[in-house]
Amino acid sequence: MSRITKYALSDLYEMSSGISSTKEQAGHGAPFVSFSTVFNNYFLPDELFDLMDTNEKEQEIYSIKAGDVLITRTSETIDELAMSCVAVKDYPKATYSGFTKRLRPKKEGIAYPKYMAFYFRSELFRKAVTNNAFMTLRASFNEDIFTFLDVYLPIYEEQVRIGDMLYAVECKIQKNKEINDYLSYQSSMVV
């Protein structure tokens, strides 16, 4: 059995807010990660279809690199707060929504990104978030919650084995969805 080590989330990641944008910036420009992309995916898609007109300075400040975790910062319900999505590659020129936060790893070799994608979506982590969140009009994931959260991780090599296996399964699930969507579309065209 593997040894599990407790880490403060704030010791492993630095947290940054997303870009504040206007309606006029949307729909053209550089790749952009929206709230819905983060909410609906364990991993960022290979290609980002949303666009946002951003400059080089914004692209540097709100960059997305391999290993980054994007996490929703607000929700109408506490149980949908802090849904996460992990980048497994760099996304040059891409930025991310102001309705999300970016967790960027501080150190390598402690938290394996593919493992963390599933850890952050696990019942254990989700429960920790809901226990520490507060609700006014909307639930909010902020610096206070971030500093109170701990993660419990097996040794790095075990994270790699587990993360790579789960990532391969997730890739197959996504490919099956694409095939089903295509077949559904094709059958609707025949009618």
N, C-alpha and C. Protein backbone atom coordinates (compact mmCIF):
# COMPACT_ATOMS: atom_id res chain seq x y z
N MET A 1 0.84 -1.18 0.00
CA MET A 1 0.00 0.00 0.00
C MET A 1 0.89 1.25 0.00
N SER A 2 0.45 2.25 -0.72
CA SER A 2 1.23 3.48 -0.88
C SER A 2 1.11 4.39 0.33
N ARG A 3 2.16 5.12 0.58
CA ARG A 3 2.15 6.14 1.62
C ARG A 3 1.46 7.38 1.08
N ILE A 4 0.54 7.95 1.86
CA ILE A 4 -0.19 9.16 1.47
C ILE A 4 0.39 10.32 2.28
N THR A 5 0.67 11.42 1.59
CA THR A 5 1.23 12.60 2.24
C THR A 5 0.26 13.76 2.10
N LYS A 6 0.10 14.49 3.20
CA LYS A 6 -0.78 15.66 3.22
C LYS A 6 0.03 16.91 2.84
N TYR A 7 -0.53 17.70 1.91
CA TYR A 7 0.09 18.96 1.50
C TYR A 7 -0.95 20.07 1.57
N ALA A 8 -0.54 21.25 1.96
CA ALA A 8 -1.40 22.42 1.84
C ALA A 8 -1.46 22.77 0.35
N LEU A 9 -2.66 22.94 -0.18
CA LEU A 9 -2.82 23.27 -1.60
C LEU A 9 -2.02 24.52 -1.95
N SER A 10 -1.99 25.48 -1.04
CA SER A 10 -1.26 26.73 -1.29
C SER A 10 0.26 26.53 -1.30
N ASP A 11 0.77 25.41 -0.78
CA ASP A 11 2.20 25.11 -0.87
C ASP A 11 2.56 24.52 -2.24
N LEU A 12 1.57 23.93 -2.90
CA LEU A 12 1.81 23.29 -4.19
C LEU A 12 1.52 24.20 -5.38
N TYR A 13 0.57 25.12 -5.22
CA TYR A 13 0.12 25.96 -6.33
C TYR A 13 0.06 27.42 -5.92
N GLU A 14 0.30 28.28 -6.91
CA GLU A 14 0.02 29.70 -6.73
C GLU A 14 -1.28 29.99 -7.49
N MET A 15 -2.13 30.83 -6.90
CA MET A 15 -3.44 31.09 -7.49
C MET A 15 -3.47 32.48 -8.10
N SER A 16 -4.05 32.57 -9.32
CA SER A 16 -4.20 33.84 -10.03
C SER A 16 -5.60 33.94 -10.59
N SER A 17 -6.12 35.16 -10.62
CA SER A 17 -7.44 35.41 -11.20
C SER A 17 -7.35 35.49 -12.71
N GLY A 18 -8.49 35.25 -13.37
CA GLY A 18 -8.57 35.32 -14.82
C GLY A 18 -8.77 36.74 -15.31
N ILE A 19 -8.80 36.87 -16.63
CA ILE A 19 -8.89 38.17 -17.29
C ILE A 19 -10.32 38.72 -17.22
N SER A 20 -10.42 40.01 -16.99
CA SER A 20 -11.71 40.70 -17.08
C SER A 20 -11.81 41.23 -18.50
N SER A 21 -12.85 40.85 -19.19
CA SER A 21 -12.97 41.22 -20.60
C SER A 21 -14.32 41.89 -20.85
N THR A 22 -14.46 42.45 -22.04
CA THR A 22 -15.70 43.11 -22.44
C THR A 22 -16.36 42.31 -23.56
N LYS A 23 -17.62 42.60 -23.81
CA LYS A 23 -18.34 41.93 -24.90
C LYS A 23 -17.66 42.18 -26.24
N GLU A 24 -17.10 43.37 -26.40
CA GLU A 24 -16.47 43.74 -27.67
C GLU A 24 -15.22 42.90 -27.96
N GLN A 25 -14.59 42.39 -26.92
CA GLN A 25 -13.39 41.57 -27.11
C GLN A 25 -13.71 40.13 -27.53
N ALA A 26 -14.92 39.68 -27.25
CA ALA A 26 -15.29 38.27 -27.45
C ALA A 26 -15.53 37.94 -28.92
N GLY A 27 -15.17 36.69 -29.27
CA GLY A 27 -15.49 36.15 -30.58
C GLY A 27 -14.41 36.32 -31.63
N HIS A 28 -13.35 37.03 -31.33
CA HIS A 28 -12.24 37.20 -32.27
C HIS A 28 -10.95 37.36 -31.49
N GLY A 29 -9.83 37.12 -32.16
CA GLY A 29 -8.55 37.27 -31.50
C GLY A 29 -7.90 35.94 -31.16
N ALA A 30 -7.30 35.88 -29.98
CA ALA A 30 -6.51 34.73 -29.55
C ALA A 30 -7.38 33.68 -28.85
N PRO A 31 -6.87 32.45 -28.70
CA PRO A 31 -7.63 31.40 -28.01
C PRO A 31 -7.97 31.82 -26.58
N PHE A 32 -9.10 31.31 -26.11
CA PHE A 32 -9.63 31.72 -24.81
C PHE A 32 -10.31 30.53 -24.14
N VAL A 33 -10.10 30.38 -22.82
CA VAL A 33 -10.75 29.33 -22.06
C VAL A 33 -11.91 29.94 -21.28
N SER A 34 -13.11 29.51 -21.62
CA SER A 34 -14.32 30.03 -20.98
C SER A 34 -14.65 29.25 -19.71
N PHE A 35 -15.53 29.81 -18.93
CA PHE A 35 -16.04 29.15 -17.73
C PHE A 35 -16.60 27.78 -18.09
N SER A 36 -17.41 27.70 -19.15
CA SER A 36 -18.06 26.43 -19.51
C SER A 36 -17.04 25.38 -19.95
N THR A 37 -15.96 25.78 -20.59
CA THR A 37 -14.91 24.82 -20.96
C THR A 37 -14.31 24.21 -19.70
N VAL A 38 -14.01 25.05 -18.71
CA VAL A 38 -13.45 24.55 -17.45
C VAL A 38 -14.46 23.65 -16.74
N PHE A 39 -15.69 24.09 -16.66
CA PHE A 39 -16.72 23.38 -15.92
C PHE A 39 -17.00 21.99 -16.52
N ASN A 40 -16.93 21.88 -17.84
CA ASN A 40 -17.37 20.65 -18.52
C ASN A 40 -16.27 19.68 -18.91
N ASN A 41 -15.02 19.95 -18.56
CA ASN A 41 -13.91 19.10 -19.01
C ASN A 41 -12.92 18.83 -17.88
N TYR A 42 -12.43 17.61 -17.82
CA TYR A 42 -11.34 17.28 -16.90
C TYR A 42 -10.03 17.88 -17.42
N PHE A 43 -9.88 17.90 -18.74
CA PHE A 43 -8.67 18.40 -19.40
C PHE A 43 -9.07 19.42 -20.46
N LEU A 44 -8.21 20.43 -20.65
CA LEU A 44 -8.48 21.38 -21.72
C LEU A 44 -8.42 20.66 -23.06
N PRO A 45 -9.34 20.98 -23.96
CA PRO A 45 -9.30 20.35 -25.29
C PRO A 45 -8.01 20.72 -26.03
N ASP A 46 -7.62 19.91 -27.00
CA ASP A 46 -6.42 20.20 -27.79
C ASP A 46 -6.51 21.58 -28.43
N GLU A 47 -7.68 21.88 -28.97
CA GLU A 47 -7.89 23.17 -29.63
C GLU A 47 -8.94 23.96 -28.87
N LEU A 48 -8.66 25.24 -28.66
CA LEU A 48 -9.59 26.13 -27.97
C LEU A 48 -10.36 26.92 -29.03
N PHE A 49 -11.67 26.74 -29.07
CA PHE A 49 -12.48 27.36 -30.11
C PHE A 49 -13.00 28.74 -29.72
N ASP A 50 -13.08 29.02 -28.41
CA ASP A 50 -13.49 30.35 -27.99
C ASP A 50 -12.33 31.31 -28.25
N LEU A 51 -12.68 32.57 -28.58
CA LEU A 51 -11.66 33.56 -28.89
C LEU A 51 -11.90 34.83 -28.07
N MET A 52 -10.80 35.52 -27.76
CA MET A 52 -10.87 36.78 -27.04
C MET A 52 -9.78 37.70 -27.57
N ASP A 53 -10.12 38.93 -27.86
CA ASP A 53 -9.16 39.91 -28.35
C ASP A 53 -8.30 40.39 -27.18
N THR A 54 -7.07 39.90 -27.11
CA THR A 54 -6.16 40.22 -26.01
C THR A 54 -4.82 40.68 -26.57
N ASN A 55 -4.10 41.44 -25.78
CA ASN A 55 -2.77 41.89 -26.21
C ASN A 55 -1.68 41.00 -25.62
N GLU A 56 -0.43 41.24 -26.02
CA GLU A 56 0.68 40.40 -25.58
C GLU A 56 0.85 40.41 -24.07
N LYS A 57 0.68 41.56 -23.44
CA LYS A 57 0.83 41.67 -21.99
C LYS A 57 -0.22 40.82 -21.28
N GLU A 58 -1.48 40.89 -21.73
CA GLU A 58 -2.55 40.07 -21.15
C GLU A 58 -2.27 38.58 -21.37
N GLN A 59 -1.76 38.24 -22.55
CA GLN A 59 -1.44 36.85 -22.85
C GLN A 59 -0.31 36.33 -21.97
N GLU A 60 0.58 37.21 -21.55
CA GLU A 60 1.65 36.82 -20.64
C GLU A 60 1.11 36.66 -19.21
N ILE A 61 0.32 37.62 -18.75
CA ILE A 61 -0.22 37.59 -17.39
C ILE A 61 -1.18 36.42 -17.20
N TYR A 62 -2.06 36.20 -18.16
CA TYR A 62 -3.11 35.18 -18.05
C TYR A 62 -2.79 33.94 -18.90
N SER A 63 -1.51 33.60 -18.97
CA SER A 63 -1.06 32.48 -19.79
C SER A 63 -1.54 31.14 -19.24
N ILE A 64 -1.51 30.14 -20.12
CA ILE A 64 -1.88 28.78 -19.74
C ILE A 64 -0.75 27.85 -20.17
N LYS A 65 -0.16 27.18 -19.18
CA LYS A 65 0.96 26.28 -19.43
C LYS A 65 0.63 24.87 -18.97
N ALA A 66 1.36 23.91 -19.49
CA ALA A 66 1.18 22.51 -19.09
C ALA A 66 1.29 22.41 -17.57
N GLY A 67 0.34 21.72 -16.97
CA GLY A 67 0.31 21.55 -15.52
C GLY A 67 -0.59 22.52 -14.80
N ASP A 68 -0.99 23.61 -15.48
CA ASP A 68 -1.91 24.57 -14.86
C ASP A 68 -3.26 23.91 -14.64
N VAL A 69 -3.89 24.30 -13.54
CA VAL A 69 -5.24 23.86 -13.23
C VAL A 69 -6.13 25.09 -13.26
N LEU A 70 -7.15 25.06 -14.09
CA LEU A 70 -8.13 26.14 -14.10
C LEU A 70 -9.32 25.68 -13.28
N ILE A 71 -9.84 26.57 -12.45
CA ILE A 71 -10.87 26.19 -11.51
C ILE A 71 -11.94 27.28 -11.48
N THR A 72 -13.20 26.89 -11.52
CA THR A 72 -14.27 27.89 -11.52
C THR A 72 -14.30 28.60 -10.18
N ARG A 73 -14.41 29.92 -10.19
CA ARG A 73 -14.34 30.69 -8.96
C ARG A 73 -15.70 31.11 -8.42
N THR A 74 -16.76 30.90 -9.20
CA THR A 74 -18.08 31.31 -8.76
C THR A 74 -19.13 30.35 -9.29
N SER A 75 -20.23 30.25 -8.55
CA SER A 75 -21.32 29.37 -8.96
C SER A 75 -22.59 29.80 -8.22
N GLU A 76 -23.72 29.44 -8.80
CA GLU A 76 -24.99 29.72 -8.13
C GLU A 76 -25.24 28.74 -7.00
N THR A 77 -24.55 27.61 -7.02
CA THR A 77 -24.68 26.63 -5.94
C THR A 77 -23.30 26.21 -5.46
N ILE A 78 -23.19 25.91 -4.19
CA ILE A 78 -21.89 25.53 -3.62
C ILE A 78 -21.37 24.23 -4.22
N ASP A 79 -22.23 23.28 -4.52
CA ASP A 79 -21.76 21.99 -5.02
C ASP A 79 -21.20 22.06 -6.44
N GLU A 80 -21.41 23.17 -7.15
CA GLU A 80 -20.84 23.34 -8.48
C GLU A 80 -19.62 24.27 -8.47
N LEU A 81 -19.21 24.67 -7.29
CA LEU A 81 -18.08 25.57 -7.15
C LEU A 81 -16.76 24.82 -7.31
N ALA A 82 -15.77 25.49 -7.83
CA ALA A 82 -14.40 24.96 -7.95
C ALA A 82 -14.31 23.70 -8.79
N MET A 83 -15.06 23.66 -9.89
CA MET A 83 -14.88 22.60 -10.87
C MET A 83 -13.58 22.90 -11.61
N SER A 84 -12.82 21.86 -11.93
CA SER A 84 -11.48 22.08 -12.44
C SER A 84 -11.25 21.45 -13.80
N CYS A 85 -10.21 21.95 -14.45
CA CYS A 85 -9.80 21.48 -15.77
C CYS A 85 -8.28 21.67 -15.85
N VAL A 86 -7.57 20.66 -16.31
CA VAL A 86 -6.10 20.68 -16.31
C VAL A 86 -5.56 20.82 -17.73
N ALA A 87 -4.52 21.64 -17.87
CA ALA A 87 -3.81 21.78 -19.15
C ALA A 87 -2.70 20.74 -19.20
N VAL A 88 -2.69 19.91 -20.25
CA VAL A 88 -1.62 18.92 -20.40
C VAL A 88 -0.57 19.38 -21.40
N LYS A 89 -0.75 20.60 -21.93
CA LYS A 89 0.23 21.19 -22.84
C LYS A 89 0.17 22.70 -22.67
N ASP A 90 1.14 23.41 -23.25
CA ASP A 90 1.12 24.87 -23.26
C ASP A 90 0.12 25.34 -24.32
N TYR A 91 -0.51 26.47 -24.07
CA TYR A 91 -1.45 27.09 -25.00
C TYR A 91 -0.94 28.50 -25.31
N PRO A 92 -0.06 28.63 -26.32
CA PRO A 92 0.50 29.94 -26.64
C PRO A 92 -0.60 30.95 -26.97
N LYS A 93 -0.46 32.13 -26.42
CA LYS A 93 -1.36 33.28 -26.64
C LYS A 93 -2.73 33.14 -26.00
N ALA A 94 -3.05 31.98 -25.41
CA ALA A 94 -4.37 31.77 -24.81
C ALA A 94 -4.46 32.47 -23.46
N THR A 95 -5.68 32.88 -23.11
CA THR A 95 -5.99 33.46 -21.81
C THR A 95 -7.20 32.73 -21.24
N TYR A 96 -7.54 33.03 -19.99
CA TYR A 96 -8.66 32.34 -19.34
C TYR A 96 -9.60 33.33 -18.68
N SER A 97 -10.83 32.91 -18.54
CA SER A 97 -11.94 33.75 -18.07
C SER A 97 -11.73 34.29 -16.66
N GLY A 98 -12.25 35.48 -16.42
CA GLY A 98 -12.25 36.08 -15.09
C GLY A 98 -13.16 35.35 -14.12
N PHE A 99 -14.00 34.46 -14.63
CA PHE A 99 -14.86 33.66 -13.77
C PHE A 99 -14.16 32.38 -13.32
N THR A 100 -12.86 32.30 -13.62
CA THR A 100 -12.05 31.15 -13.21
C THR A 100 -10.79 31.65 -12.50
N LYS A 101 -10.13 30.74 -11.83
CA LYS A 101 -8.82 30.99 -11.22
C LYS A 101 -7.84 30.01 -11.85
N ARG A 102 -6.57 30.40 -11.88
CA ARG A 102 -5.52 29.50 -12.37
C ARG A 102 -4.67 29.08 -11.18
N LEU A 103 -4.47 27.78 -11.05
CA LEU A 103 -3.52 27.25 -10.08
C LEU A 103 -2.31 26.79 -10.87
N ARG A 104 -1.18 27.44 -10.63
CA ARG A 104 0.06 27.09 -11.34
C ARG A 104 0.99 26.39 -10.36
N PRO A 105 1.49 25.21 -10.74
CA PRO A 105 2.38 24.47 -9.83
C PRO A 105 3.61 25.29 -9.44
N LYS A 106 3.94 25.23 -8.15
CA LYS A 106 5.14 25.91 -7.64
C LYS A 106 6.37 25.03 -7.78
N LYS A 107 6.18 23.70 -7.69
CA LYS A 107 7.28 22.75 -7.73
C LYS A 107 6.90 21.59 -8.64
N GLU A 108 7.89 21.00 -9.27
CA GLU A 108 7.65 19.81 -10.08
C GLU A 108 7.94 18.57 -9.25
N GLY A 109 7.32 17.46 -9.64
CA GLY A 109 7.61 16.18 -9.01
C GLY A 109 6.84 15.89 -7.74
N ILE A 110 5.84 16.72 -7.41
CA ILE A 110 5.02 16.46 -6.23
C ILE A 110 3.59 16.10 -6.63
N ALA A 111 3.00 16.92 -7.49
CA ALA A 111 1.61 16.70 -7.94
C ALA A 111 1.61 16.51 -9.45
N TYR A 112 1.27 15.31 -9.91
CA TYR A 112 1.25 14.98 -11.34
C TYR A 112 -0.04 15.52 -11.96
N PRO A 113 0.04 16.38 -12.98
CA PRO A 113 -1.15 17.04 -13.52
C PRO A 113 -2.29 16.10 -13.93
N LYS A 114 -1.99 15.00 -14.59
CA LYS A 114 -3.07 14.10 -15.02
C LYS A 114 -3.75 13.45 -13.82
N TYR A 115 -3.01 13.17 -12.78
CA TYR A 115 -3.60 12.64 -11.54
C TYR A 115 -4.46 13.71 -10.88
N MET A 116 -3.94 14.93 -10.84
CA MET A 116 -4.64 16.02 -10.16
C MET A 116 -5.96 16.35 -10.84
N ALA A 117 -6.05 16.14 -12.15
CA ALA A 117 -7.31 16.39 -12.85
C ALA A 117 -8.43 15.56 -12.23
N PHE A 118 -8.14 14.33 -11.90
CA PHE A 118 -9.14 13.46 -11.30
C PHE A 118 -9.27 13.71 -9.80
N TYR A 119 -8.18 14.05 -9.16
CA TYR A 119 -8.23 14.35 -7.72
C TYR A 119 -9.14 15.55 -7.47
N PHE A 120 -8.96 16.62 -8.25
CA PHE A 120 -9.76 17.83 -8.05
C PHE A 120 -11.25 17.62 -8.36
N ARG A 121 -11.56 16.59 -9.13
CA ARG A 121 -12.97 16.27 -9.40
C ARG A 121 -13.50 15.18 -8.46
N SER A 122 -12.66 14.68 -7.57
CA SER A 122 -13.05 13.58 -6.68
C SER A 122 -14.00 14.06 -5.59
N GLU A 123 -14.74 13.11 -5.02
CA GLU A 123 -15.65 13.42 -3.94
C GLU A 123 -14.90 13.98 -2.73
N LEU A 124 -13.71 13.48 -2.46
CA LEU A 124 -12.90 13.96 -1.33
C LEU A 124 -12.62 15.46 -1.46
N PHE A 125 -12.11 15.88 -2.61
CA PHE A 125 -11.78 17.29 -2.78
C PHE A 125 -13.03 18.14 -2.88
N ARG A 126 -14.03 17.64 -3.60
CA ARG A 126 -15.29 18.41 -3.76
C ARG A 126 -15.92 18.68 -2.38
N LYS A 127 -15.87 17.69 -1.49
CA LYS A 127 -16.42 17.85 -0.15
C LYS A 127 -15.62 18.88 0.64
N ALA A 128 -14.31 18.86 0.51
CA ALA A 128 -13.47 19.85 1.20
C ALA A 128 -13.82 21.27 0.74
N VAL A 129 -14.06 21.44 -0.56
CA VAL A 129 -14.43 22.76 -1.08
C VAL A 129 -15.78 23.19 -0.51
N THR A 130 -16.78 22.32 -0.57
CA THR A 130 -18.11 22.72 -0.08
C THR A 130 -18.10 22.98 1.42
N ASN A 131 -17.27 22.28 2.16
CA ASN A 131 -17.19 22.52 3.61
C ASN A 131 -16.54 23.85 3.95
N ASN A 132 -15.70 24.37 3.04
CA ASN A 132 -15.00 25.62 3.30
C ASN A 132 -15.58 26.83 2.56
N ALA A 133 -16.52 26.58 1.66
CA ALA A 133 -17.10 27.67 0.87
C ALA A 133 -18.16 28.41 1.67
N PHE A 134 -18.42 29.61 1.23
CA PHE A 134 -19.49 30.38 1.83
C PHE A 134 -20.42 30.82 0.72
N MET A 135 -21.67 31.07 1.07
CA MET A 135 -22.68 31.41 0.08
C MET A 135 -23.32 32.72 0.48
N THR A 136 -23.27 33.69 -0.41
CA THR A 136 -24.06 34.90 -0.25
C THR A 136 -25.11 34.82 -1.35
N LEU A 137 -25.00 35.63 -2.38
CA LEU A 137 -25.87 35.46 -3.54
C LEU A 137 -25.35 34.35 -4.45
N ARG A 138 -24.03 34.21 -4.47
CA ARG A 138 -23.38 33.17 -5.25
C ARG A 138 -22.27 32.56 -4.39
N ALA A 139 -21.95 31.31 -4.68
CA ALA A 139 -20.81 30.69 -4.00
C ALA A 139 -19.53 31.23 -4.66
N SER A 140 -18.47 31.37 -3.88
CA SER A 140 -17.25 31.94 -4.41
C SER A 140 -16.03 31.18 -3.89
N PHE A 141 -15.11 30.85 -4.81
CA PHE A 141 -13.83 30.23 -4.47
C PHE A 141 -12.80 31.35 -4.43
N ASN A 142 -12.26 31.62 -3.24
CA ASN A 142 -11.35 32.74 -3.09
C ASN A 142 -10.07 32.32 -2.38
N GLU A 143 -9.23 33.31 -2.12
CA GLU A 143 -7.93 33.07 -1.48
C GLU A 143 -8.09 32.41 -0.11
N ASP A 144 -9.12 32.80 0.64
CA ASP A 144 -9.33 32.21 1.97
C ASP A 144 -9.57 30.70 1.88
N ILE A 145 -10.46 30.29 0.99
CA ILE A 145 -10.74 28.86 0.82
C ILE A 145 -9.48 28.14 0.36
N PHE A 146 -8.79 28.73 -0.62
CA PHE A 146 -7.58 28.15 -1.18
C PHE A 146 -6.55 27.84 -0.10
N THR A 147 -6.37 28.76 0.85
CA THR A 147 -5.34 28.57 1.88
C THR A 147 -5.75 27.55 2.94
N PHE A 148 -7.04 27.22 3.02
CA PHE A 148 -7.51 26.24 4.00
C PHE A 148 -7.51 24.81 3.47
N LEU A 149 -7.39 24.63 2.17
CA LEU A 149 -7.52 23.30 1.58
C LEU A 149 -6.21 22.52 1.62
N ASP A 150 -6.36 21.24 1.93
CA ASP A 150 -5.24 20.30 1.89
C ASP A 150 -5.52 19.25 0.81
N VAL A 151 -4.45 18.68 0.28
CA VAL A 151 -4.58 17.55 -0.64
C VAL A 151 -3.77 16.39 -0.07
N TYR A 152 -4.21 15.17 -0.35
CA TYR A 152 -3.59 13.95 0.16
C TYR A 152 -3.13 13.13 -1.04
N LEU A 153 -1.82 13.02 -1.21
CA LEU A 153 -1.27 12.45 -2.43
C LEU A 153 -0.38 11.24 -2.16
N PRO A 154 -0.51 10.22 -3.02
CA PRO A 154 0.46 9.11 -2.97
C PRO A 154 1.79 9.59 -3.55
N ILE A 155 2.81 8.74 -3.50
CA ILE A 155 4.10 9.12 -4.06
C ILE A 155 3.92 9.46 -5.55
N TYR A 156 4.82 10.28 -6.06
CA TYR A 156 4.69 10.81 -7.42
C TYR A 156 4.60 9.71 -8.47
N GLU A 157 5.43 8.68 -8.35
CA GLU A 157 5.44 7.59 -9.34
C GLU A 157 4.08 6.91 -9.41
N GLU A 158 3.43 6.76 -8.26
CA GLU A 158 2.09 6.15 -8.26
C GLU A 158 1.07 7.09 -8.88
N GLN A 159 1.21 8.38 -8.64
CA GLN A 159 0.33 9.35 -9.29
C GLN A 159 0.45 9.25 -10.81
N VAL A 160 1.68 9.08 -11.29
CA VAL A 160 1.91 8.97 -12.74
C VAL A 160 1.20 7.74 -13.29
N ARG A 161 1.35 6.59 -12.63
CA ARG A 161 0.70 5.37 -13.11
C ARG A 161 -0.83 5.55 -13.13
N ILE A 162 -1.38 6.03 -12.04
CA ILE A 162 -2.84 6.20 -11.94
C ILE A 162 -3.31 7.27 -12.92
N GLY A 163 -2.64 8.42 -12.94
CA GLY A 163 -3.04 9.52 -13.80
C GLY A 163 -2.99 9.17 -15.28
N ASP A 164 -1.93 8.48 -15.71
CA ASP A 164 -1.82 8.09 -17.12
C ASP A 164 -2.92 7.10 -17.51
N MET A 165 -3.23 6.16 -16.61
CA MET A 165 -4.29 5.19 -16.92
C MET A 165 -5.65 5.91 -17.02
N LEU A 166 -5.97 6.75 -16.05
CA LEU A 166 -7.25 7.45 -16.08
C LEU A 166 -7.35 8.42 -17.26
N TYR A 167 -6.24 9.04 -17.60
CA TYR A 167 -6.20 9.94 -18.76
C TYR A 167 -6.50 9.17 -20.04
N ALA A 168 -5.91 7.99 -20.19
CA ALA A 168 -6.17 7.17 -21.38
C ALA A 168 -7.65 6.78 -21.46
N VAL A 169 -8.25 6.43 -20.33
CA VAL A 169 -9.68 6.10 -20.30
C VAL A 169 -10.51 7.33 -20.68
N GLU A 170 -10.17 8.48 -20.12
CA GLU A 170 -10.90 9.72 -20.43
C GLU A 170 -10.79 10.06 -21.91
N CYS A 171 -9.62 9.88 -22.51
CA CYS A 171 -9.44 10.13 -23.94
C CYS A 171 -10.34 9.22 -24.76
N LYS A 172 -10.46 7.96 -24.36
CA LYS A 172 -11.34 7.02 -25.07
C LYS A 172 -12.81 7.44 -24.92
N ILE A 173 -13.20 7.88 -23.74
CA ILE A 173 -14.57 8.36 -23.52
C ILE A 173 -14.87 9.55 -24.43
N GLN A 174 -13.94 10.48 -24.51
CA GLN A 174 -14.14 11.67 -25.35
C GLN A 174 -14.20 11.29 -26.83
N LYS A 175 -13.36 10.35 -27.24
CA LYS A 175 -13.38 9.90 -28.64
C LYS A 175 -14.70 9.22 -28.96
N ASN A 176 -15.22 8.39 -28.02
CA ASN A 176 -16.52 7.75 -28.22
C ASN A 176 -17.64 8.77 -28.33
N LYS A 177 -17.57 9.84 -27.53
CA LYS A 177 -18.58 10.91 -27.62
C LYS A 177 -18.53 11.57 -29.00
N GLU A 178 -17.32 11.82 -29.49
CA GLU A 178 -17.17 12.43 -30.81
C GLU A 178 -17.78 11.52 -31.89
N ILE A 179 -17.51 10.22 -31.80
CA ILE A 179 -18.05 9.27 -32.78
C ILE A 179 -19.58 9.24 -32.69
N ASN A 180 -20.10 9.18 -31.46
CA ASN A 180 -21.56 9.17 -31.29
C ASN A 180 -22.21 10.44 -31.82
N ASP A 181 -21.60 11.58 -31.55
CA ASP A 181 -22.13 12.85 -32.06
C ASP A 181 -22.11 12.87 -33.58
N TYR A 182 -21.02 12.38 -34.16
CA TYR A 182 -20.91 12.32 -35.62
C TYR A 182 -21.97 11.40 -36.21
N LEU A 183 -22.12 10.19 -35.61
CA LEU A 183 -23.12 9.26 -36.12
C LEU A 183 -24.53 9.80 -35.96
N SER A 184 -24.79 10.47 -34.86
CA SER A 184 -26.10 11.07 -34.63
C SER A 184 -26.37 12.16 -35.67
N TYR A 185 -25.38 12.95 -35.95
CA TYR A 185 -25.50 14.00 -36.96
C TYR A 185 -25.74 13.39 -38.35
N GLN A 186 -24.97 12.33 -38.67
CA GLN A 186 -25.12 11.67 -39.96
C GLN A 186 -26.51 11.07 -40.14
N SER A 187 -27.01 10.43 -39.05
CA SER A 187 -28.34 9.82 -39.15
C SER A 187 -29.43 10.89 -39.28
N SER A 188 -29.24 12.05 -38.69
CA SER A 188 -30.23 13.12 -38.82
C SER A 188 -30.23 13.70 -40.22
N MET A 189 -29.10 13.62 -40.92
CA MET A 189 -29.00 14.13 -42.30
C MET A 189 -29.68 13.20 -43.29
N VAL A 190 -29.78 11.92 -42.96
CA VAL A 190 -30.37 10.94 -43.85
C VAL A 190 -31.89 11.12 -43.93
N VAL A 191 -32.48 11.52 -42.84
CA VAL A 191 -33.95 11.65 -42.77
C VAL A 191 -34.48 12.68 -43.69
